[in-house]
Amino acid sequence: MTRTTYRCTCGALLEFKQDLEKEPGIATPSWKCTDCGTPVPGQIAEKVRHQHPS
């Protein structure tokens, strides 16, 4: 299975769930970069958050 990675506008490489922060108080999950708080596209965030470091 191919790993999904996402390069945030701040330059951070998002690869695992710990790289994402869930937006509080929203019924539909919304994710953002833990480094800068920039929103991450939902489809990418869902793939990244299910990956674990091996």
N, C-alpha and C. Protein backbone atom coordinates (compact mmCIF):
# COMPACT_ATOMS: atom_id res chain seq x y z
N MET A 1 0.84 -1.18 0.00
CA MET A 1 0.00 0.00 0.00
C MET A 1 0.89 1.24 0.00
N THR A 2 0.53 2.21 -0.81
CA THR A 2 1.30 3.44 -0.93
C THR A 2 1.00 4.38 0.23
N ARG A 3 2.06 4.97 0.77
CA ARG A 3 1.89 5.96 1.83
C ARG A 3 1.44 7.28 1.23
N THR A 4 0.54 7.96 1.95
CA THR A 4 0.11 9.28 1.55
C THR A 4 0.86 10.30 2.38
N THR A 5 1.43 11.28 1.73
CA THR A 5 2.09 12.39 2.43
C THR A 5 1.53 13.69 1.86
N TYR A 6 1.64 14.73 2.63
CA TYR A 6 1.13 16.03 2.20
C TYR A 6 2.11 17.10 2.68
N ARG A 7 2.52 17.97 1.77
CA ARG A 7 3.43 19.06 2.12
C ARG A 7 2.57 20.30 2.38
N CYS A 8 2.55 20.76 3.62
CA CYS A 8 1.78 21.94 4.01
C CYS A 8 2.42 23.20 3.42
N THR A 9 1.66 24.26 3.36
CA THR A 9 2.20 25.52 2.84
C THR A 9 3.34 26.06 3.71
N CYS A 10 3.39 25.63 4.98
CA CYS A 10 4.48 26.08 5.86
C CYS A 10 5.76 25.26 5.65
N GLY A 11 5.65 24.19 4.85
CA GLY A 11 6.81 23.35 4.57
C GLY A 11 6.83 22.04 5.35
N ALA A 12 5.94 21.87 6.31
CA ALA A 12 5.90 20.65 7.11
C ALA A 12 5.41 19.48 6.26
N LEU A 13 6.02 18.31 6.45
CA LEU A 13 5.60 17.10 5.77
C LEU A 13 4.66 16.35 6.71
N LEU A 14 3.41 16.19 6.29
CA LEU A 14 2.41 15.51 7.11
C LEU A 14 2.32 14.06 6.64
N GLU A 15 2.64 13.14 7.55
CA GLU A 15 2.66 11.71 7.20
C GLU A 15 1.80 10.86 8.12
N PHE A 16 1.63 11.29 9.36
CA PHE A 16 0.96 10.47 10.36
C PHE A 16 -0.07 11.29 11.14
N LYS A 17 -0.93 10.59 11.90
CA LYS A 17 -2.00 11.24 12.65
C LYS A 17 -1.47 12.34 13.58
N GLN A 18 -0.31 12.13 14.17
CA GLN A 18 0.24 13.12 15.09
C GLN A 18 0.65 14.42 14.39
N ASP A 19 0.69 14.41 13.07
CA ASP A 19 1.01 15.61 12.30
C ASP A 19 -0.23 16.46 12.06
N LEU A 20 -1.40 15.94 12.44
CA LEU A 20 -2.66 16.63 12.21
C LEU A 20 -3.31 17.00 13.54
N GLU A 21 -4.08 18.07 13.53
CA GLU A 21 -4.82 18.51 14.71
C GLU A 21 -6.28 18.64 14.30
N LYS A 22 -7.17 18.04 15.09
CA LYS A 22 -8.60 18.09 14.77
C LYS A 22 -9.16 19.43 15.22
N GLU A 23 -9.95 20.04 14.36
CA GLU A 23 -10.59 21.32 14.68
C GLU A 23 -11.71 21.04 15.68
N PRO A 24 -11.68 21.65 16.86
CA PRO A 24 -12.70 21.39 17.89
C PRO A 24 -14.05 22.03 17.55
N GLY A 25 -15.11 21.38 18.04
CA GLY A 25 -16.45 21.95 17.94
C GLY A 25 -17.12 21.84 16.59
N ILE A 26 -16.58 21.04 15.70
CA ILE A 26 -17.18 20.90 14.38
C ILE A 26 -17.67 19.46 14.23
N ALA A 27 -18.94 19.30 13.80
CA ALA A 27 -19.52 17.96 13.67
C ALA A 27 -18.78 17.13 12.63
N THR A 28 -18.52 17.70 11.46
CA THR A 28 -17.76 17.00 10.43
C THR A 28 -16.28 17.21 10.71
N PRO A 29 -15.49 16.14 10.79
CA PRO A 29 -14.07 16.32 11.09
C PRO A 29 -13.38 17.29 10.13
N SER A 30 -12.63 18.19 10.70
CA SER A 30 -11.84 19.15 9.94
C SER A 30 -10.45 19.10 10.54
N TRP A 31 -9.43 18.95 9.72
CA TRP A 31 -8.07 18.75 10.20
C TRP A 31 -7.17 19.90 9.76
N LYS A 32 -6.15 20.18 10.58
CA LYS A 32 -5.19 21.21 10.24
C LYS A 32 -3.79 20.77 10.64
N CYS A 33 -2.80 21.44 10.08
CA CYS A 33 -1.39 21.17 10.35
C CYS A 33 -1.08 21.54 11.80
N THR A 34 -0.37 20.66 12.50
CA THR A 34 -0.03 20.96 13.90
C THR A 34 1.03 22.06 14.00
N ASP A 35 1.82 22.25 12.95
CA ASP A 35 2.88 23.26 12.99
C ASP A 35 2.35 24.68 12.84
N CYS A 36 1.41 24.87 11.89
CA CYS A 36 0.99 26.25 11.59
C CYS A 36 -0.52 26.48 11.67
N GLY A 37 -1.31 25.40 11.73
CA GLY A 37 -2.75 25.56 11.82
C GLY A 37 -3.46 25.73 10.49
N THR A 38 -2.75 25.54 9.38
CA THR A 38 -3.36 25.64 8.06
C THR A 38 -4.27 24.43 7.83
N PRO A 39 -5.49 24.65 7.34
CA PRO A 39 -6.38 23.52 7.06
C PRO A 39 -5.78 22.57 6.02
N VAL A 40 -6.01 21.28 6.25
CA VAL A 40 -5.53 20.23 5.35
C VAL A 40 -6.76 19.69 4.61
N PRO A 41 -6.69 19.50 3.29
CA PRO A 41 -7.84 18.96 2.55
C PRO A 41 -8.35 17.66 3.20
N GLY A 42 -9.66 17.55 3.34
CA GLY A 42 -10.28 16.43 4.05
C GLY A 42 -9.88 15.06 3.55
N GLN A 43 -9.86 14.86 2.25
CA GLN A 43 -9.53 13.55 1.68
C GLN A 43 -8.09 13.16 2.02
N ILE A 44 -7.18 14.12 1.96
CA ILE A 44 -5.77 13.86 2.31
C ILE A 44 -5.66 13.57 3.81
N ALA A 45 -6.31 14.38 4.63
CA ALA A 45 -6.24 14.21 6.09
C ALA A 45 -6.75 12.83 6.50
N GLU A 46 -7.83 12.36 5.89
CA GLU A 46 -8.37 11.05 6.23
C GLU A 46 -7.37 9.94 5.93
N LYS A 47 -6.66 10.04 4.82
CA LYS A 47 -5.66 9.03 4.48
C LYS A 47 -4.47 9.11 5.43
N VAL A 48 -3.97 10.32 5.69
CA VAL A 48 -2.81 10.51 6.55
C VAL A 48 -3.11 10.06 7.98
N ARG A 49 -4.27 10.37 8.50
CA ARG A 49 -4.55 10.06 9.90
C ARG A 49 -4.68 8.56 10.19
N HIS A 50 -4.85 7.75 9.15
CA HIS A 50 -4.93 6.31 9.34
C HIS A 50 -3.57 5.62 9.21
N GLN A 51 -2.52 6.38 8.95
CA GLN A 51 -1.18 5.81 8.82
C GLN A 51 -0.46 5.85 10.17
N HIS A 52 0.32 4.86 10.41
CA HIS A 52 1.10 4.77 11.65
C HIS A 52 2.57 4.59 11.31
N PRO A 53 3.45 5.18 12.10
CA PRO A 53 4.88 4.97 11.88
C PRO A 53 5.22 3.48 12.03
N SER A 54 6.06 2.98 11.17
CA SER A 54 6.43 1.56 11.28
C SER A 54 7.72 1.38 12.01
